[in-house]
Protein backbone atom coordinates (compact mmCIF):
# COMPACT_ATOMS: atom_id res chain seq x y z
CA UNK A 1 0.00 0.00 0.00
CA UNK A 2 3.02 2.24 0.43
CA UNK A 3 3.59 2.23 -3.34
CA UNK A 4 0.07 3.64 -3.85
CA UNK A 5 0.76 6.58 -1.55
CA UNK A 6 4.16 7.07 -3.19
CA UNK A 7 2.68 7.40 -6.67
CA UNK A 8 -0.68 8.87 -5.67
CA UNK A 9 0.19 12.28 -7.09
CA UNK A 10 1.07 10.73 -10.45
CA UNK A 11 -2.21 8.84 -10.52
CA UNK A 12 -4.19 11.94 -9.54
CA UNK A 13 -2.59 14.17 -12.17
CA UNK A 14 -2.96 11.50 -14.86
CA UNK A 15 -6.66 11.01 -14.17
CA UNK A 16 -7.26 14.77 -14.00
CA UNK A 17 -5.38 15.23 -17.25
CA UNK A 18 -7.50 12.61 -19.01
CA UNK A 19 -10.71 14.08 -17.60
CA UNK A 20 -9.69 17.54 -18.79
CA UNK A 21 -8.82 16.13 -22.21
CA UNK A 22 -12.25 14.49 -22.55
CA UNK A 23 -13.92 17.71 -21.39
CA UNK A 24 -12.02 19.77 -23.97
CA UNK A 25 -12.61 17.19 -26.69
CA UNK A 26 -16.38 17.01 -26.08
CA UNK A 27 -17.04 20.65 -25.14
CA UNK A 28 -19.41 22.49 -27.49
CA UNK A 29 -18.08 25.92 -26.56
CA UNK A 30 -14.49 24.96 -27.35
CA UNK A 31 -15.58 23.34 -30.61
CA UNK A 32 -17.44 26.52 -31.58
CA UNK A 33 -14.40 28.62 -30.67
CA UNK A 34 -12.17 26.44 -32.84
CA UNK A 35 -14.61 26.73 -35.75
CA UNK A 36 -14.68 30.51 -35.35
CA UNK A 37 -10.88 30.61 -35.29
CA UNK A 38 -10.64 28.49 -38.44
CA UNK A 39 -13.06 30.80 -40.30
CA UNK A 40 -11.06 33.92 -39.48
CA UNK A 41 -7.97 34.78 -41.52
CA UNK A 42 -5.86 36.05 -38.66
CA UNK A 43 -2.34 34.83 -37.85
CA UNK A 44 -3.04 35.18 -34.13
CA UNK A 45 -6.16 33.07 -34.48
CA UNK A 46 -4.15 30.33 -36.16
CA UNK A 47 -1.75 30.39 -33.21
CA UNK A 48 -4.65 29.98 -30.78
CA UNK A 49 -5.97 27.09 -32.85
CA UNK A 50 -2.62 25.32 -32.88
CA UNK A 51 -2.13 25.97 -29.15
CA UNK A 52 -5.51 24.43 -28.31
CA UNK A 53 -4.91 21.38 -30.48
CA UNK A 54 -1.40 20.79 -29.12
CA UNK A 55 -2.59 21.37 -25.55
CA UNK A 56 -5.41 18.89 -25.98
CA UNK A 57 -3.11 16.16 -27.22
CA UNK A 58 -0.54 16.97 -24.54
CA UNK A 59 -3.22 16.35 -21.91
CA UNK A 60 -4.07 13.04 -23.55
CA UNK A 61 -0.45 11.89 -23.80
CA UNK A 62 0.34 12.93 -20.23
CA UNK A 63 -2.69 11.07 -18.93
CA UNK A 64 -1.99 7.88 -20.86
CA UNK A 65 1.74 7.85 -20.15
CA UNK A 66 1.15 8.67 -16.48
CA UNK A 67 -1.29 5.78 -16.11
CA UNK A 68 1.11 3.48 -17.94
CA UNK A 69 3.96 4.50 -15.62
CA UNK A 70 1.75 4.01 -12.57
CA UNK A 71 0.69 0.56 -13.79
CA UNK A 72 4.29 -0.37 -14.52
CA UNK A 73 5.42 0.70 -11.05
CA UNK A 74 2.54 -1.15 -9.38
CA UNK A 75 3.31 -4.35 -11.30
CA UNK A 76 7.02 -3.96 -10.62
CA UNK A 77 6.37 -3.56 -6.89
CA UNK A 78 3.96 -6.49 -6.80
CA UNK A 79 6.04 -8.97 -8.76
CA UNK A 80 9.37 -7.66 -7.47
CA UNK A 81 8.52 -8.58 -3.88
CA UNK A 82 7.53 -12.20 -4.63
C-alpha atoms as a PDB file:
ATOM      1  CA  UNK A   1       0.000   0.000   0.000  1.00  0.00           C
ATOM      2  CA  UNK A   2       3.017   2.244   0.429  1.00  0.00           C
ATOM      3  CA  UNK A   3       3.588   2.234  -3.336  1.00  0.00           C
ATOM      4  CA  UNK A   4       0.071   3.636  -3.850  1.00  0.00           C
ATOM      5  CA  UNK A   5       0.761   6.576  -1.555  1.00  0.00           C
ATOM      6  CA  UNK A   6       4.163   7.069  -3.187  1.00  0.00           C
ATOM      7  CA  UNK A   7       2.679   7.402  -6.673  1.00  0.00           C
ATOM      8  CA  UNK A   8      -0.676   8.866  -5.670  1.00  0.00           C
ATOM      9  CA  UNK A   9       0.188  12.281  -7.094  1.00  0.00           C
ATOM     10  CA  UNK A  10       1.073  10.728 -10.452  1.00  0.00           C
ATOM     11  CA  UNK A  11      -2.211   8.835 -10.518  1.00  0.00           C
ATOM     12  CA  UNK A  12      -4.192  11.941  -9.538  1.00  0.00           C
ATOM     13  CA  UNK A  13      -2.593  14.171 -12.173  1.00  0.00           C
ATOM     14  CA  UNK A  14      -2.963  11.499 -14.857  1.00  0.00           C
ATOM     15  CA  UNK A  15      -6.656  11.015 -14.175  1.00  0.00           C
ATOM     16  CA  UNK A  16      -7.261  14.773 -14.001  1.00  0.00           C
ATOM     17  CA  UNK A  17      -5.384  15.225 -17.253  1.00  0.00           C
ATOM     18  CA  UNK A  18      -7.505  12.606 -19.008  1.00  0.00           C
ATOM     19  CA  UNK A  19     -10.712  14.080 -17.596  1.00  0.00           C
ATOM     20  CA  UNK A  20      -9.686  17.536 -18.785  1.00  0.00           C
ATOM     21  CA  UNK A  21      -8.823  16.126 -22.214  1.00  0.00           C
ATOM     22  CA  UNK A  22     -12.249  14.492 -22.547  1.00  0.00           C
ATOM     23  CA  UNK A  23     -13.916  17.708 -21.387  1.00  0.00           C
ATOM     24  CA  UNK A  24     -12.018  19.771 -23.968  1.00  0.00           C
ATOM     25  CA  UNK A  25     -12.613  17.187 -26.690  1.00  0.00           C
ATOM     26  CA  UNK A  26     -16.380  17.014 -26.075  1.00  0.00           C
ATOM     27  CA  UNK A  27     -17.036  20.651 -25.144  1.00  0.00           C
ATOM     28  CA  UNK A  28     -19.406  22.487 -27.487  1.00  0.00           C
ATOM     29  CA  UNK A  29     -18.079  25.919 -26.563  1.00  0.00           C
ATOM     30  CA  UNK A  30     -14.489  24.961 -27.345  1.00  0.00           C
ATOM     31  CA  UNK A  31     -15.577  23.344 -30.610  1.00  0.00           C
ATOM     32  CA  UNK A  32     -17.439  26.521 -31.581  1.00  0.00           C
ATOM     33  CA  UNK A  33     -14.401  28.619 -30.669  1.00  0.00           C
ATOM     34  CA  UNK A  34     -12.167  26.441 -32.838  1.00  0.00           C
ATOM     35  CA  UNK A  35     -14.610  26.733 -35.750  1.00  0.00           C
ATOM     36  CA  UNK A  36     -14.683  30.511 -35.347  1.00  0.00           C
ATOM     37  CA  UNK A  37     -10.883  30.612 -35.289  1.00  0.00           C
ATOM     38  CA  UNK A  38     -10.642  28.489 -38.442  1.00  0.00           C
ATOM     39  CA  UNK A  39     -13.064  30.799 -40.304  1.00  0.00           C
ATOM     40  CA  UNK A  40     -11.055  33.920 -39.477  1.00  0.00           C
ATOM     41  CA  UNK A  41      -7.974  34.775 -41.518  1.00  0.00           C
ATOM     42  CA  UNK A  42      -5.859  36.054 -38.659  1.00  0.00           C
ATOM     43  CA  UNK A  43      -2.344  34.834 -37.853  1.00  0.00           C
ATOM     44  CA  UNK A  44      -3.043  35.176 -34.130  1.00  0.00           C
ATOM     45  CA  UNK A  45      -6.158  33.071 -34.478  1.00  0.00           C
ATOM     46  CA  UNK A  46      -4.154  30.328 -36.158  1.00  0.00           C
ATOM     47  CA  UNK A  47      -1.752  30.395 -33.207  1.00  0.00           C
ATOM     48  CA  UNK A  48      -4.649  29.980 -30.781  1.00  0.00           C
ATOM     49  CA  UNK A  49      -5.975  27.093 -32.854  1.00  0.00           C
ATOM     50  CA  UNK A  50      -2.615  25.323 -32.878  1.00  0.00           C
ATOM     51  CA  UNK A  51      -2.133  25.966 -29.152  1.00  0.00           C
ATOM     52  CA  UNK A  52      -5.514  24.433 -28.305  1.00  0.00           C
ATOM     53  CA  UNK A  53      -4.913  21.381 -30.484  1.00  0.00           C
ATOM     54  CA  UNK A  54      -1.399  20.788 -29.124  1.00  0.00           C
ATOM     55  CA  UNK A  55      -2.589  21.371 -25.553  1.00  0.00           C
ATOM     56  CA  UNK A  56      -5.411  18.893 -25.983  1.00  0.00           C
ATOM     57  CA  UNK A  57      -3.106  16.155 -27.219  1.00  0.00           C
ATOM     58  CA  UNK A  58      -0.536  16.974 -24.536  1.00  0.00           C
ATOM     59  CA  UNK A  59      -3.216  16.351 -21.906  1.00  0.00           C
ATOM     60  CA  UNK A  60      -4.071  13.037 -23.551  1.00  0.00           C
ATOM     61  CA  UNK A  61      -0.452  11.893 -23.796  1.00  0.00           C
ATOM     62  CA  UNK A  62       0.343  12.931 -20.232  1.00  0.00           C
ATOM     63  CA  UNK A  63      -2.693  11.071 -18.931  1.00  0.00           C
ATOM     64  CA  UNK A  64      -1.993   7.878 -20.858  1.00  0.00           C
ATOM     65  CA  UNK A  65       1.739   7.846 -20.150  1.00  0.00           C
ATOM     66  CA  UNK A  66       1.151   8.669 -16.484  1.00  0.00           C
ATOM     67  CA  UNK A  67      -1.287   5.779 -16.105  1.00  0.00           C
ATOM     68  CA  UNK A  68       1.113   3.477 -17.941  1.00  0.00           C
ATOM     69  CA  UNK A  69       3.962   4.496 -15.618  1.00  0.00           C
ATOM     70  CA  UNK A  70       1.748   4.006 -12.574  1.00  0.00           C
ATOM     71  CA  UNK A  71       0.685   0.560 -13.791  1.00  0.00           C
ATOM     72  CA  UNK A  72       4.290  -0.371 -14.523  1.00  0.00           C
ATOM     73  CA  UNK A  73       5.419   0.700 -11.049  1.00  0.00           C
ATOM     74  CA  UNK A  74       2.539  -1.154  -9.381  1.00  0.00           C
ATOM     75  CA  UNK A  75       3.314  -4.353 -11.303  1.00  0.00           C
ATOM     76  CA  UNK A  76       7.020  -3.962 -10.623  1.00  0.00           C
ATOM     77  CA  UNK A  77       6.372  -3.555  -6.887  1.00  0.00           C
ATOM     78  CA  UNK A  78       3.956  -6.491  -6.800  1.00  0.00           C
ATOM     79  CA  UNK A  79       6.041  -8.965  -8.761  1.00  0.00           C
ATOM     80  CA  UNK A  80       9.373  -7.663  -7.472  1.00  0.00           C
ATOM     81  CA  UNK A  81       8.516  -8.581  -3.875  1.00  0.00           C
ATOM     82  CA  UNK A  82       7.528 -12.196  -4.632  1.00  0.00           C
END
